[in-house]
PDB file of N, CA and C in Angstrom:
ATOM      1  N   MET A   1      14.642-203.783  47.155  1.00  0.00           N
ATOM      2  CA  MET A   1      14.409-202.306  47.425  1.00  0.00           C
ATOM      3  C   MET A   1      12.893-202.061  47.087  1.00  0.00           C
ATOM      4  N   GLU A   2      12.281-202.723  46.092  1.00  0.00           N
ATOM      5  CA  GLU A   2      10.871-202.503  45.806  1.00  0.00           C
ATOM      6  C   GLU A   2       9.960-203.106  46.916  1.00  0.00           C
ATOM      7  N   ASN A   3      10.442-204.201  47.564  1.00  0.00           N
ATOM      8  CA  ASN A   3       9.567-204.763  48.595  1.00  0.00           C
ATOM      9  C   ASN A   3       9.581-203.837  49.780  1.00  0.00           C
ATOM     10  N   PHE A   4      10.714-203.163  50.031  1.00  0.00           N
ATOM     11  CA  PHE A   4      10.806-202.096  51.102  1.00  0.00           C
ATOM     12  C   PHE A   4       9.960-201.029  50.954  1.00  0.00           C
ATOM     13  N   ASP A   5       9.818-200.567  49.712  1.00  0.00           N
ATOM     14  CA  ASP A   5       8.975-199.453  49.349  1.00  0.00           C
ATOM     15  C   ASP A   5       7.493-199.739  49.526  1.00  0.00           C
ATOM     16  N   ASN A   6       7.174-200.990  49.081  1.00  0.00           N
ATOM     17  CA  ASN A   6       5.811-201.449  49.284  1.00  0.00           C
ATOM     18  C   ASN A   6       5.369-201.620  50.720  1.00  0.00           C
ATOM     19  N   SER A   7       6.322-202.035  51.552  1.00  0.00           N
ATOM     20  CA  SER A   7       6.025-202.205  52.959  1.00  0.00           C
ATOM     21  C   SER A   7       5.949-200.915  53.612  1.00  0.00           C
ATOM     22  N   LYS A   8       6.701-199.944  53.193  1.00  0.00           N
ATOM     23  CA  LYS A   8       6.671-198.646  53.725  1.00  0.00           C
ATOM     24  C   LYS A   8       5.298-197.919  53.398  1.00  0.00           C
ATOM     25  N   LYS A   9       4.900-198.180  52.107  1.00  0.00           N
ATOM     26  CA  LYS A   9       3.548-197.644  51.664  1.00  0.00           C
ATOM     27  C   LYS A   9       2.435-198.324  52.461  1.00  0.00           C
ATOM     28  N   SER A  10       2.626-199.546  52.693  1.00  0.00           N
ATOM     29  CA  SER A  10       1.565-200.241  53.446  1.00  0.00           C
ATOM     30  C   SER A  10       1.491-199.750  54.867  1.00  0.00           C
ATOM     31  N   ASN A  11       2.555-199.490  55.487  1.00  0.00           N
ATOM     32  CA  ASN A  11       2.693-198.982  56.877  1.00  0.00           C
ATOM     33  C   ASN A  11       1.989-197.631  56.913  1.00  0.00           C
ATOM     34  N   SER A  12       2.314-196.764  55.946  1.00  0.00           N
ATOM     35  CA  SER A  12       1.784-195.407  55.900  1.00  0.00           C
ATOM     36  C   SER A  12       0.233-195.455  55.746  1.00  0.00           C
ATOM     37  N   ARG A  13      -0.225-196.396  54.927  1.00  0.00           N
ATOM     38  CA  ARG A  13      -1.692-196.575  54.683  1.00  0.00           C
ATOM     39  C   ARG A  13      -2.370-197.058  55.977  1.00  0.00           C
ATOM     40  N   ASN A  14      -1.625-197.932  56.740  1.00  0.00           N
ATOM     41  CA  ASN A  14      -2.195-198.534  57.926  1.00  0.00           C
ATOM     42  C   ASN A  14      -2.291-197.346  59.005  1.00  0.00           C
ATOM     43  N   GLU A  15      -1.197-196.532  58.974  1.00  0.00           N
ATOM     44  CA  GLU A  15      -1.304-195.370  59.902  1.00  0.00           C
ATOM     45  C   GLU A  15      -2.336-194.383  59.633  1.00  0.00           C
ATOM     46  N   VAL A  16      -2.656-194.145  58.348  1.00  0.00           N
ATOM     47  CA  VAL A  16      -3.689-193.343  57.937  1.00  0.00           C
ATOM     48  C   VAL A  16      -5.066-193.917  58.361  1.00  0.00           C
ATOM     49  N   VAL A  17      -5.256-195.206  58.149  1.00  0.00           N
ATOM     50  CA  VAL A  17      -6.441-195.897  58.509  1.00  0.00           C
ATOM     51  C   VAL A  17      -6.614-195.876  60.062  1.00  0.00           C
ATOM     52  N   VAL A  18      -5.547-196.055  60.789  1.00  0.00           N
ATOM     53  CA  VAL A  18      -5.637-195.998  62.282  1.00  0.00           C
ATOM     54  C   VAL A  18      -5.938-194.619  62.696  1.00  0.00           C
ATOM     55  N   GLU A  19      -5.323-193.599  62.096  1.00  0.00           N
ATOM     56  CA  GLU A  19      -5.642-192.167  62.422  1.00  0.00           C
ATOM     57  C   GLU A  19      -7.077-191.850  62.109  1.00  0.00           C
ATOM     58  N   ASP A  20      -7.510-192.315  60.956  1.00  0.00           N
ATOM     59  CA  ASP A  20      -8.987-192.084  60.606  1.00  0.00           C
ATOM     60  C   ASP A  20      -9.954-192.675  61.561  1.00  0.00           C
ATOM     61  N   LYS A  21      -9.578-193.860  62.014  1.00  0.00           N
ATOM     62  CA  LYS A  21     -10.426-194.565  62.962  1.00  0.00           C
ATOM     63  C   LYS A  21     -10.440-193.791  64.298  1.00  0.00           C
ATOM     64  N   LYS A  22      -9.379-193.241  64.700  1.00  0.00           N
ATOM     65  CA  LYS A  22      -9.203-192.489  65.959  1.00  0.00           C
ATOM     66  C   LYS A  22     -10.132-191.176  65.798  1.00  0.00           C
ATOM     67  N   VAL A  23      -9.989-190.539  64.673  1.00  0.00           N
ATOM     68  CA  VAL A  23     -10.786-189.346  64.470  1.00  0.00           C
ATOM     69  C   VAL A  23     -12.254-189.657  64.464  1.00  0.00           C
ATOM     70  N   VAL A  24     -12.600-190.680  63.835  1.00  0.00           N
ATOM     71  CA  VAL A  24     -14.077-191.139  63.782  1.00  0.00           C
ATOM     72  C   VAL A  24     -14.575-191.441  65.125  1.00  0.00           C
ATOM     73  N   LEU A  25     -13.706-192.138  65.990  1.00  0.00           N
ATOM     74  CA  LEU A  25     -14.113-192.477  67.259  1.00  0.00           C
ATOM     75  C   LEU A  25     -14.302-191.149  68.147  1.00  0.00           C
ATOM     76  N   LEU A  26     -13.332-190.277  68.039  1.00  0.00           N
ATOM     77  CA  LEU A  26     -13.479-189.041  68.770  1.00  0.00           C
ATOM     78  C   LEU A  26     -14.703-188.235  68.293  1.00  0.00           C
ATOM     79  N   LEU A  27     -15.005-188.249  66.975  1.00  0.00           N
ATOM     80  CA  LEU A  27     -16.190-187.599  66.476  1.00  0.00           C
ATOM     81  C   LEU A  27     -17.431-188.238  67.122  1.00  0.00           C
ATOM     82  N   HIS A  28     -17.491-189.472  67.222  1.00  0.00           N
ATOM     83  CA  HIS A  28     -18.675-190.177  67.822  1.00  0.00           C
ATOM     84  C   HIS A  28     -18.730-189.850  69.320  1.00  0.00           C
ATOM     85  N   GLU A  29     -17.626-189.740  69.968  1.00  0.00           N
ATOM     86  CA  GLU A  29     -17.632-189.437  71.415  1.00  0.00           C
ATOM     87  C   GLU A  29     -18.161-188.014  71.537  1.00  0.00           C
ATOM     88  N   ILE A  30     -17.764-187.052  70.678  1.00  0.00           N
ATOM     89  CA  ILE A  30     -18.173-185.673  70.806  1.00  0.00           C
ATOM     90  C   ILE A  30     -19.654-185.578  70.497  1.00  0.00           C
ATOM     91  N   GLU A  31     -20.086-186.342  69.543  1.00  0.00           N
ATOM     92  CA  GLU A  31     -21.482-186.447  69.234  1.00  0.00           C
ATOM     93  C   GLU A  31     -22.347-186.849  70.386  1.00  0.00           C
ATOM     94  N   LEU A  32     -21.880-187.892  71.092  1.00  0.00           N
ATOM     95  CA  LEU A  32     -22.508-188.435  72.389  1.00  0.00           C
ATOM     96  C   LEU A  32     -22.509-187.294  73.393  1.00  0.00           C
ATOM     97  N   LEU A  33     -21.484-186.573  73.510  1.00  0.00           N
ATOM     98  CA  LEU A  33     -21.385-185.456  74.503  1.00  0.00           C
ATOM     99  C   LEU A  33     -22.413-184.306  74.110  1.00  0.00           C
ATOM    100  N   MET A  34     -22.460-184.134  72.880  1.00  0.00           N
ATOM    101  CA  MET A  34     -23.338-183.016  72.370  1.00  0.00           C
ATOM    102  C   MET A  34     -24.925-183.436  72.579  1.00  0.00           C
ATOM    103  N   SER A  35     -25.166-184.678  72.511  1.00  0.00           N
ATOM    104  CA  SER A  35     -26.571-185.105  72.767  1.00  0.00           C
ATOM    105  C   SER A  35     -26.774-185.020  74.264  1.00  0.00           C
ATOM    106  N   GLU A  36     -25.836-185.320  75.092  1.00  0.00           N
ATOM    107  CA  GLU A  36     -25.974-185.091  76.532  1.00  0.00           C
ATOM    108  C   GLU A  36     -26.152-183.650  76.857  1.00  0.00           C
ATOM    109  N   LYS A  37     -25.496-182.743  76.143  1.00  0.00           N
ATOM    110  CA  LYS A  37     -25.543-181.307  76.275  1.00  0.00           C
ATOM    111  C   LYS A  37     -26.986-180.840  76.005  1.00  0.00           C
ATOM    112  N   ARG A  38     -27.505-181.398  74.875  1.00  0.00           N
ATOM    113  CA  ARG A  38     -28.945-181.044  74.588  1.00  0.00           C
ATOM    114  C   ARG A  38     -29.922-181.485  75.600  1.00  0.00           C
ATOM    115  N   THR A  39     -29.566-182.673  76.176  1.00  0.00           N
ATOM    116  CA  THR A  39     -30.434-183.161  77.362  1.00  0.00           C
ATOM    117  C   THR A  39     -30.323-182.241  78.472  1.00  0.00           C
ATOM    118  N   ALA A  40     -29.128-181.743  78.812  1.00  0.00           N
ATOM    119  CA  ALA A  40     -28.964-180.766  79.946  1.00  0.00           C
ATOM    120  C   ALA A  40     -29.747-179.481  79.644  1.00  0.00           C
ATOM    121  N   LEU A  41     -29.740-179.061  78.364  1.00  0.00           N
ATOM    122  CA  LEU A  41     -30.522-177.909  78.070  1.00  0.00           C
ATOM    123  C   LEU A  41     -32.016-178.113  78.173  1.00  0.00           C
ATOM    124  N   SER A  42     -32.407-179.264  77.868  1.00  0.00           N
ATOM    125  CA  SER A  42     -33.900-179.500  78.028  1.00  0.00           C
ATOM    126  C   SER A  42     -34.358-179.625  79.488  1.00  0.00           C
ATOM    127  N   VAL A  43     -33.493-180.182  80.371  1.00  0.00           N
ATOM    128  CA  VAL A  43     -33.671-180.186  81.758  1.00  0.00           C
ATOM    129  C   VAL A  43     -33.774-178.706  82.247  1.00  0.00           C
ATOM    130  N   MET A  44     -32.837-177.821  81.819  1.00  0.00           N
ATOM    131  CA  MET A  44     -32.839-176.547  82.247  1.00  0.00           C
ATOM    132  C   MET A  44     -34.195-175.804  81.701  1.00  0.00           C
ATOM    133  N   ARG A  45     -34.578-176.068  80.580  1.00  0.00           N
ATOM    134  CA  ARG A  45     -35.770-175.518  80.086  1.00  0.00           C
ATOM    135  C   ARG A  45     -37.012-175.978  80.880  1.00  0.00           C
ATOM    136  N   THR A  46     -37.033-177.255  81.342  1.00  0.00           N
ATOM    137  CA  THR A  46     -38.067-177.770  82.202  1.00  0.00           C
ATOM    138  C   THR A  46     -38.057-176.971  83.555  1.00  0.00           C
ATOM    139  N   GLY A  47     -36.807-176.876  84.132  1.00  0.00           N
ATOM    140  CA  GLY A  47     -36.769-176.111  85.389  1.00  0.00           C
ATOM    141  C   GLY A  47     -37.238-174.771  85.242  1.00  0.00           C
ATOM    142  N   ILE A  48     -37.015-174.095  84.195  1.00  0.00           N
ATOM    143  CA  ILE A  48     -37.464-172.636  84.023  1.00  0.00           C
ATOM    144  C   ILE A  48     -39.017-172.692  83.876  1.00  0.00           C
ATOM    145  N   ALA A  49     -39.530-173.631  83.220  1.00  0.00           N
ATOM    146  CA  ALA A  49     -40.962-173.705  83.036  1.00  0.00           C
ATOM    147  C   ALA A  49     -41.735-174.028  84.341  1.00  0.00           C
ATOM    148  N   ILE A  50     -41.061-174.868  85.234  1.00  0.00           N
ATOM    149  CA  ILE A  50     -41.631-175.213  86.548  1.00  0.00           C
ATOM    150  C   ILE A  50     -41.511-173.944  87.304  1.00  0.00           C
ATOM    151  N   LEU A  51     -40.505-173.113  87.258  1.00  0.00           N
ATOM    152  CA  LEU A  51     -40.392-171.910  88.103  1.00  0.00           C
ATOM    153  C   LEU A  51     -41.478-170.888  87.678  1.00  0.00           C
ATOM    154  N   ALA A  52     -41.940-170.891  86.443  1.00  0.00           N
ATOM    155  CA  ALA A  52     -42.931-169.964  85.985  1.00  0.00           C
ATOM    156  C   ALA A  52     -44.320-170.178  86.775  1.00  0.00           C
ATOM    157  N   LEU A  53     -44.522-171.430  87.008  1.00  0.00           N
ATOM    158  CA  LEU A  53     -45.883-171.707  87.676  1.00  0.00           C
ATOM    159  C   LEU A  53     -46.020-171.010  89.045  1.00  0.00           C
ATOM    160  N   PRO A  54     -45.163-171.217  89.938  1.00  0.00           N
ATOM    161  CA  PRO A  54     -45.326-170.446  91.270  1.00  0.00           C
ATOM    162  C   PRO A  54     -45.316-168.932  91.098  1.00  0.00           C
ATOM    163  N   LEU A  55     -44.558-168.507  90.132  1.00  0.00           N
ATOM    164  CA  LEU A  55     -44.499-166.993  89.983  1.00  0.00           C
ATOM    165  C   LEU A  55     -45.858-166.480  89.501  1.00  0.00           C
ATOM    166  N   SER A  56     -46.562-167.258  88.576  1.00  0.00           N
ATOM    167  CA  SER A  56     -47.944-166.825  88.125  1.00  0.00           C
ATOM    168  C   SER A  56     -48.936-167.002  89.219  1.00  0.00           C
ATOM    169  N   VAL A  57     -48.764-168.002  90.077  1.00  0.00           N
ATOM    170  CA  VAL A  57     -49.675-168.147  91.213  1.00  0.00           C
ATOM    171  C   VAL A  57     -49.522-166.974  92.132  1.00  0.00           C
ATOM    172  N   PHE A  58     -48.264-166.649  92.516  1.00  0.00           N
ATOM    173  CA  PHE A  58     -48.068-165.486  93.338  1.00  0.00           C
ATOM    174  C   PHE A  58     -48.627-164.205  92.771  1.00  0.00           C
ATOM    175  N   SER A  59     -48.449-164.086  91.474  1.00  0.00           N
ATOM    176  CA  SER A  59     -49.063-162.849  90.815  1.00  0.00           C
ATOM    177  C   SER A  59     -50.579-162.815  90.877  1.00  0.00           C
ATOM    178  N   ILE A  60     -51.265-163.933  90.689  1.00  0.00           N
ATOM    179  CA  ILE A  60     -52.702-163.892  90.955  1.00  0.00           C
ATOM    180  C   ILE A  60     -53.107-163.711  92.384  1.00  0.00           C
ATOM    181  N   LEU A  61     -52.338-164.269  93.344  1.00  0.00           N
ATOM    182  CA  LEU A  61     -52.687-164.054  94.683  1.00  0.00           C
ATOM    183  C   LEU A  61     -52.495-162.565  95.095  1.00  0.00           C
ATOM    184  N   ILE A  62     -51.445-161.994  94.635  1.00  0.00           N
ATOM    185  CA  ILE A  62     -51.212-160.518  94.936  1.00  0.00           C
ATOM    186  C   ILE A  62     -52.282-159.647  94.183  1.00  0.00           C
ATOM    187  N   ALA A  63     -52.519-159.969  93.001  1.00  0.00           N
ATOM    188  CA  ALA A  63     -53.587-159.216  92.297  1.00  0.00           C
ATOM    189  C   ALA A  63     -54.979-159.265  92.858  1.00  0.00           C
ATOM    190  N   THR A  64     -55.263-160.342  93.452  1.00  0.00           N
ATOM    191  CA  THR A  64     -56.619-160.519  94.067  1.00  0.00           C
ATOM    192  C   THR A  64     -56.638-160.392  95.571  1.00  0.00           C
ATOM    193  N   SER A  65     -55.582-159.924  96.107  1.00  0.00           N
ATOM    194  CA  SER A  65     -55.532-159.838  97.547  1.00  0.00           C
ATOM    195  C   SER A  65     -56.476-158.865  98.273  1.00  0.00           C
ATOM    196  N   LYS A  66     -57.013-157.950  97.487  1.00  0.00           N
ATOM    197  CA  LYS A  66     -57.983-156.992  98.090  1.00  0.00           C
ATOM    198  C   LYS A  66     -59.411-157.598  98.089  1.00  0.00           C
ATOM    199  N   LEU A  67     -59.594-158.848  97.452  1.00  0.00           N
ATOM    200  CA  LEU A  67     -60.920-159.444  97.410  1.00  0.00           C
ATOM    201  C   LEU A  67     -61.116-160.448  98.540  1.00  0.00           C
ATOM    202  N   TYR A  68     -60.023-160.712  99.315  1.00  0.00           N
ATOM    203  CA  TYR A  68     -60.180-161.660 100.417  1.00  0.00           C
ATOM    204  C   TYR A  68     -59.434-161.168 101.639  1.00  0.00           C
ATOM    205  N   GLU A  69     -59.809-161.734 102.857  1.00  0.00           N
ATOM    206  CA  GLU A  69     -58.983-161.572 104.062  1.00  0.00           C
ATOM    207  C   GLU A  69     -58.171-162.780 104.171  1.00  0.00           C
ATOM    208  N   ILE A  70     -56.935-162.634 104.527  1.00  0.00           N
ATOM    209  CA  ILE A  70     -55.982-163.687 104.665  1.00  0.00           C
ATOM    210  C   ILE A  70     -56.303-164.607 105.781  1.00  0.00           C
ATOM    211  N   SER A  71     -56.893-164.070 106.886  1.00  0.00           N
ATOM    212  CA  SER A  71     -57.286-164.905 108.008  1.00  0.00           C
ATOM    213  C   SER A  71     -58.457-165.930 107.579  1.00  0.00           C
ATOM    214  N   ASN A  72     -59.321-165.506 106.655  1.00  0.00           N
ATOM    215  CA  ASN A  72     -60.384-166.389 106.253  1.00  0.00           C
ATOM    216  C   ASN A  72     -59.992-167.499 105.194  1.00  0.00           C
ATOM    217  N   VAL A  73     -58.895-167.254 104.534  1.00  0.00           N
ATOM    218  CA  VAL A  73     -58.427-168.268 103.481  1.00  0.00           C
ATOM    219  C   VAL A  73     -57.102-168.912 103.815  1.00  0.00           C
ATOM    220  N   ILE A  74     -56.654-168.710 105.089  1.00  0.00           N
ATOM    221  CA  ILE A  74     -55.396-169.262 105.414  1.00  0.00           C
ATOM    222  C   ILE A  74     -55.301-170.775 105.184  1.00  0.00           C
ATOM    223  N   HIS A  75     -56.358-171.561 105.448  1.00  0.00           N
ATOM    224  CA  HIS A  75     -56.326-172.974 105.160  1.00  0.00           C
ATOM    225  C   HIS A  75     -56.168-173.292 103.703  1.00  0.00           C
ATOM    226  N   PHE A  76     -56.461-172.463 102.832  1.00  0.00           N
ATOM    227  CA  PHE A  76     -56.158-172.600 101.339  1.00  0.00           C
ATOM    228  C   PHE A  76     -54.826-172.101 100.968  1.00  0.00           C
ATOM    229  N   LEU A  77     -54.457-171.024 101.647  1.00  0.00           N
ATOM    230  CA  LEU A  77     -53.169-170.353 101.316  1.00  0.00           C
ATOM    231  C   LEU A  77     -51.894-171.149 101.730  1.00  0.00           C
ATOM    232  N   ILE A  78     -51.968-171.802 102.831  1.00  0.00           N
ATOM    233  CA  ILE A  78     -50.795-172.524 103.291  1.00  0.00           C
ATOM    234  C   ILE A  78     -50.394-173.624 102.367  1.00  0.00           C
ATOM    235  N   PRO A  79     -51.418-174.515 101.962  1.00  0.00           N
ATOM    236  CA  PRO A  79     -50.974-175.557 100.980  1.00  0.00           C
ATOM    237  C   PRO A  79     -50.506-174.917  99.652  1.00  0.00           C
ATOM    238  N   VAL A  80     -51.133-173.938  99.173  1.00  0.00           N
ATOM    239  CA  VAL A  80     -50.701-173.335  97.948  1.00  0.00           C
ATOM    240  C   VAL A  80     -49.322-172.795  98.090  1.00  0.00           C
ATOM    241  N   LEU A  81     -48.919-172.140  99.134  1.00  0.00           N
ATOM    242  CA  LEU A  81     -47.607-171.572  99.299  1.00  0.00           C
ATOM    243  C   LEU A  81     -46.513-172.708  99.528  1.00  0.00           C
ATOM    244  N   THR A  82     -46.997-173.723 100.178  1.00  0.00           N
ATOM    245  CA  THR A  82     -46.126-174.934 100.455  1.00  0.00           C
ATOM    246  C   THR A  82     -45.807-175.615  99.118  1.00  0.00           C
ATOM    247  N   ILE A  83     -46.762-175.836  98.309  1.00  0.00           N
ATOM    248  CA  ILE A  83     -46.527-176.486  96.993  1.00  0.00           C
ATOM    249  C   ILE A  83     -45.694-175.535  96.132  1.00  0.00           C
ATOM    250  N   SER A  84     -45.959-174.289  96.193  1.00  0.00           N
ATOM    251  CA  SER A  84     -45.207-173.230  95.355  1.00  0.00           C
ATOM    252  C   SER A  84     -43.792-173.260  95.782  1.00  0.00           C
ATOM    253  N   ALA A  85     -43.513-173.317  97.099  1.00  0.00           N
ATOM    254  CA  ALA A  85     -42.138-173.362  97.566  1.00  0.00           C
ATOM    255  C   ALA A  85     -41.431-174.562  97.146  1.00  0.00           C
ATOM    256  N   GLY A  86     -42.116-175.841  97.160  1.00  0.00           N
ATOM    257  CA  GLY A  86     -41.541-176.997  96.665  1.00  0.00           C
ATOM    258  C   GLY A  86     -41.258-176.968  95.240  1.00  0.00           C
ATOM    259  N   LEU A  87     -42.127-176.339  94.439  1.00  0.00           N
ATOM    260  CA  LEU A  87     -41.801-176.181  92.975  1.00  0.00           C
ATOM    261  C   LEU A  87     -40.690-175.322  92.668  1.00  0.00           C
ATOM    262  N   ILE A  88     -40.509-174.300  93.504  1.00  0.00           N
ATOM    263  CA  ILE A  88     -39.364-173.357  93.363  1.00  0.00           C
ATOM    264  C   ILE A  88     -38.109-174.057  93.644  1.00  0.00           C
ATOM    265  N   VAL A  89     -38.006-174.875  94.782  1.00  0.00           N
ATOM    266  CA  VAL A  89     -36.837-175.661  95.169  1.00  0.00           C
ATOM    267  C   VAL A  89     -36.514-176.603  94.013  1.00  0.00           C
ATOM    268  N   LEU A  90     -37.503-177.349  93.494  1.00  0.00           N
ATOM    269  CA  LEU A  90     -37.347-178.320  92.386  1.00  0.00           C
ATOM    270  C   LEU A  90     -36.755-177.582  91.158  1.00  0.00           C
ATOM    271  N   SER A  91     -37.256-176.499  90.799  1.00  0.00           N
ATOM    272  CA  SER A  91     -36.925-175.811  89.555  1.00  0.00           C
ATOM    273  C   SER A  91     -35.425-175.268  89.784  1.00  0.00           C
ATOM    274  N   CYS A  92     -35.065-174.770  90.944  1.00  0.00           N
ATOM    275  CA  CYS A  92     -33.775-174.274  91.119  1.00  0.00           C
ATOM    276  C   CYS A  92     -32.741-175.523  91.216  1.00  0.00           C
ATOM    277  N   TYR A  93     -33.135-176.654  91.663  1.00  0.00           N
ATOM    278  CA  TYR A  93     -32.317-177.836  91.661  1.00  0.00           C
ATOM    279  C   TYR A  93     -32.088-178.270  90.160  1.00  0.00           C
ATOM    280  N   LEU A  94     -33.090-178.378  89.317  1.00  0.00           N
ATOM    281  CA  LEU A  94     -33.014-178.700  87.934  1.00  0.00           C
ATOM    282  C   LEU A  94     -32.090-177.769  87.152  1.00  0.00           C
ATOM    283  N   ILE A  95     -32.244-176.445  87.447  1.00  0.00           N
ATOM    284  CA  ILE A  95     -31.476-175.373  86.655  1.00  0.00           C
ATOM    285  C   ILE A  95     -30.007-175.539  87.119  1.00  0.00           C
ATOM    286  N   VAL A  96     -29.659-175.701  88.360  1.00  0.00           N
ATOM    287  CA  VAL A  96     -28.276-175.696  88.805  1.00  0.00           C
ATOM    288  C   VAL A  96     -27.633-176.966  88.369  1.00  0.00           C
ATOM    289  N   LYS A  97     -28.353-178.051  88.430  1.00  0.00           N
ATOM    290  CA  LYS A  97     -27.826-179.354  88.003  1.00  0.00           C
ATOM    291  C   LYS A  97     -27.470-179.392  86.503  1.00  0.00           C
ATOM    292  N   SER A  98     -28.469-178.825  85.687  1.00  0.00           N
ATOM    293  CA  SER A  98     -28.173-178.685  84.231  1.00  0.00           C
ATOM    294  C   SER A  98     -27.030-177.811  83.883  1.00  0.00           C
ATOM    295  N   LEU A  99     -26.849-176.658  84.595  1.00  0.00           N
ATOM    296  CA  LEU A  99     -25.823-175.785  84.384  1.00  0.00           C
ATOM    297  C   LEU A  99     -24.461-176.379  84.693  1.00  0.00           C
ATOM    298  N   SER A 100     -24.419-177.148  85.790  1.00  0.00           N
ATOM    299  CA  SER A 100     -23.081-177.844  86.165  1.00  0.00           C
ATOM    300  C   SER A 100     -22.783-178.939  85.131  1.00  0.00           C
ATOM    301  N   LYS A 101     -23.822-179.742  84.710  1.00  0.00           N
ATOM    302  CA  LYS A 101     -23.596-180.697  83.733  1.00  0.00           C
ATOM    303  C   LYS A 101     -23.100-180.058  82.378  1.00  0.00           C
ATOM    304  N   PHE A 102     -23.792-178.970  82.051  1.00  0.00           N
ATOM    305  CA  PHE A 102     -23.389-178.323  80.794  1.00  0.00           C
ATOM    306  C   PHE A 102     -21.929-177.821  80.867  1.00  0.00           C
ATOM    307  N   HIS A 103     -21.430-177.330  82.002  1.00  0.00           N
ATOM    308  CA  HIS A 103     -20.090-176.857  82.162  1.00  0.00           C
ATOM    309  C   HIS A 103     -19.136-178.028  82.082  1.00  0.00           C
ATOM    310  N   VAL A 104     -19.419-179.096  82.690  1.00  0.00           N
ATOM    311  CA  VAL A 104     -18.618-180.299  82.633  1.00  0.00           C
ATOM    312  C   VAL A 104     -18.476-180.798  81.170  1.00  0.00           C
ATOM    313  N   LEU A 105     -19.614-180.887  80.486  1.00  0.00           N
ATOM    314  CA  LEU A 105     -19.604-181.393  79.117  1.00  0.00           C
ATOM    315  C   LEU A 105     -18.789-180.419  78.144  1.00  0.00           C
ATOM    316  N   ASP A 106     -18.876-179.154  78.349  1.00  0.00           N
ATOM    317  CA  ASP A 106     -18.097-178.224  77.655  1.00  0.00           C
ATOM    318  C   ASP A 106     -16.608-178.470  77.805  1.00  0.00           C
ATOM    319  N   GLN A 107     -16.141-178.737  79.103  1.00  0.00           N
ATOM    320  CA  GLN A 107     -14.743-179.032  79.369  1.00  0.00           C
ATOM    321  C   GLN A 107     -14.341-180.305  78.598  1.00  0.00           C
ATOM    322  N   LEU A 108     -15.144-181.331  78.647  1.00  0.00           N
ATOM    323  CA  LEU A 108     -14.803-182.562  78.065  1.00  0.00           C
ATOM    324  C   LEU A 108     -14.629-182.467  76.487  1.00  0.00           C
ATOM    325  N   ILE A 109     -15.659-181.646  75.913  1.00  0.00           N
ATOM    326  CA  ILE A 109     -15.520-181.473  74.522  1.00  0.00           C
ATOM    327  C   ILE A 109     -14.215-180.739  74.191  1.00  0.00           C
ATOM    328  N   GLY A 110     -13.891-179.675  75.067  1.00  0.00           N
ATOM    329  CA  GLY A 110     -12.621-178.944  74.778  1.00  0.00           C
ATOM    330  C   GLY A 110     -11.473-179.798  74.915  1.00  0.00           C
ATOM    331  N   GLN A 111     -11.431-180.722  75.795  1.00  0.00           N
ATOM    332  CA  GLN A 111     -10.315-181.692  75.907  1.00  0.00           C
ATOM    333  C   GLN A 111     -10.183-182.566  74.619  1.00  0.00           C
ATOM    334  N   MET A 112     -11.258-182.996  74.176  1.00  0.00           N
ATOM    335  CA  MET A 112     -11.240-183.826  72.963  1.00  0.00           C
ATOM    336  C   MET A 112     -10.844-183.082  71.713  1.00  0.00           C
ATOM    337  N   LYS A 113     -11.205-181.742  71.696  1.00  0.00           N
ATOM    338  CA  LYS A 113     -10.816-180.913  70.523  1.00  0.00           C
ATOM    339  C   LYS A 113      -9.285-180.776  70.551  1.00  0.00           C
ATOM    340  N   LYS A 114      -8.682-180.803  71.686  1.00  0.00           N
ATOM    341  CA  LYS A 114      -7.225-180.551  71.795  1.00  0.00           C
ATOM    342  C   LYS A 114      -6.481-181.808  71.283  1.00  0.00           C
ATOM    343  N   LYS A 115      -7.180-182.948  71.277  1.00  0.00           N
ATOM    344  CA  LYS A 115      -6.534-184.207  70.910  1.00  0.00           C
ATOM    345  C   LYS A 115      -6.220-184.284  69.402  1.00  0.00           C
ATOM    346  N   SER A 116      -7.049-183.699  68.661  1.00  0.00           N
ATOM    347  CA  SER A 116      -6.953-183.716  67.190  1.00  0.00           C
ATOM    348  C   SER A 116      -7.190-182.439  66.517  1.00  0.00           C
ATOM    349  N   PRO A 117      -6.276-182.050  65.642  1.00  0.00           N
ATOM    350  CA  PRO A 117      -6.530-180.736  64.861  1.00  0.00           C
ATOM    351  C   PRO A 117      -7.631-180.867  63.880  1.00  0.00           C
ATOM    352  N   ALA A 118      -7.945-182.085  63.393  1.00  0.00           N
ATOM    353  CA  ALA A 118      -8.961-182.225  62.488  1.00  0.00           C
ATOM    354  C   ALA A 118     -10.342-182.042  63.212  1.00  0.00           C
ATOM    355  N   ILE A 119     -10.411-182.415  64.425  1.00  0.00           N
ATOM    356  CA  ILE A 119     -11.698-182.329  65.146  1.00  0.00           C
ATOM    357  C   ILE A 119     -11.856-180.834  65.577  1.00  0.00           C
ATOM    358  N   SER A 120     -10.746-180.211  65.955  1.00  0.00           N
ATOM    359  CA  SER A 120     -10.941-178.798  66.478  1.00  0.00           C
ATOM    360  C   SER A 120     -11.366-177.853  65.269  1.00  0.00           C
ATOM    361  N   ALA A 121     -11.025-178.320  64.002  1.00  0.00           N
ATOM    362  CA  ALA A 121     -11.485-177.598  62.872  1.00  0.00           C
ATOM    363  C   ALA A 121     -12.961-177.836  62.603  1.00  0.00           C
ATOM    364  N   LEU A 122     -13.405-179.015  62.983  1.00  0.00           N
ATOM    365  CA  LEU A 122     -14.826-179.371  62.624  1.00  0.00           C
ATOM    366  C   LEU A 122     -15.766-178.853  63.708  1.00  0.00           C
ATOM    367  N   VAL A 123     -15.384-178.950  64.980  1.00  0.00           N
ATOM    368  CA  VAL A 123     -16.222-178.651  66.166  1.00  0.00           C
ATOM    369  C   VAL A 123     -15.814-177.302  66.665  1.00  0.00           C
ATOM    370  N   LYS A 124     -16.728-176.380  66.695  1.00  0.00           N
ATOM    371  CA  LYS A 124     -16.500-175.026  67.165  1.00  0.00           C
ATOM    372  C   LYS A 124     -16.881-174.886  68.617  1.00  0.00           C
TER     373      LYS A 124
END
C-alpha cells in the first residue's frame, strides 16, 4: 500500500513538473510574440516619421508659392513631388504592414492565453 502511495505522489509531482514546463514554454512563446509586437510598433513609428517628411515639404512649398512661378521651377518641382509621392507610398506600406502584423500577433497571444488559466492571469 505504501509503494502505491509513493508512486501516486511521484506521478502527481511529474504531472506538476510537466505542467510547469508547459506554462514556462507558453510564457516564452508569448514573450517572443510580444517582442515581435514591439518590432511592429517600431516599424509603424518609422512609417509615421517617413510620412511627416513629405508633409513638411508640401507645407514649405505651399507657404513659399508666392515667391516663385511654377513654370520656372518645374524642373525642380517634378523630382521633389516624385520623391515625396514615393515616400508617402513607402510610409503607407510600412504602416499597413505593421498594423496587420500587430493584429495577427494579438490573435496569437489571445489563443495562447486560452490554453492556460495561469497565463491568462499573468498576461493582460
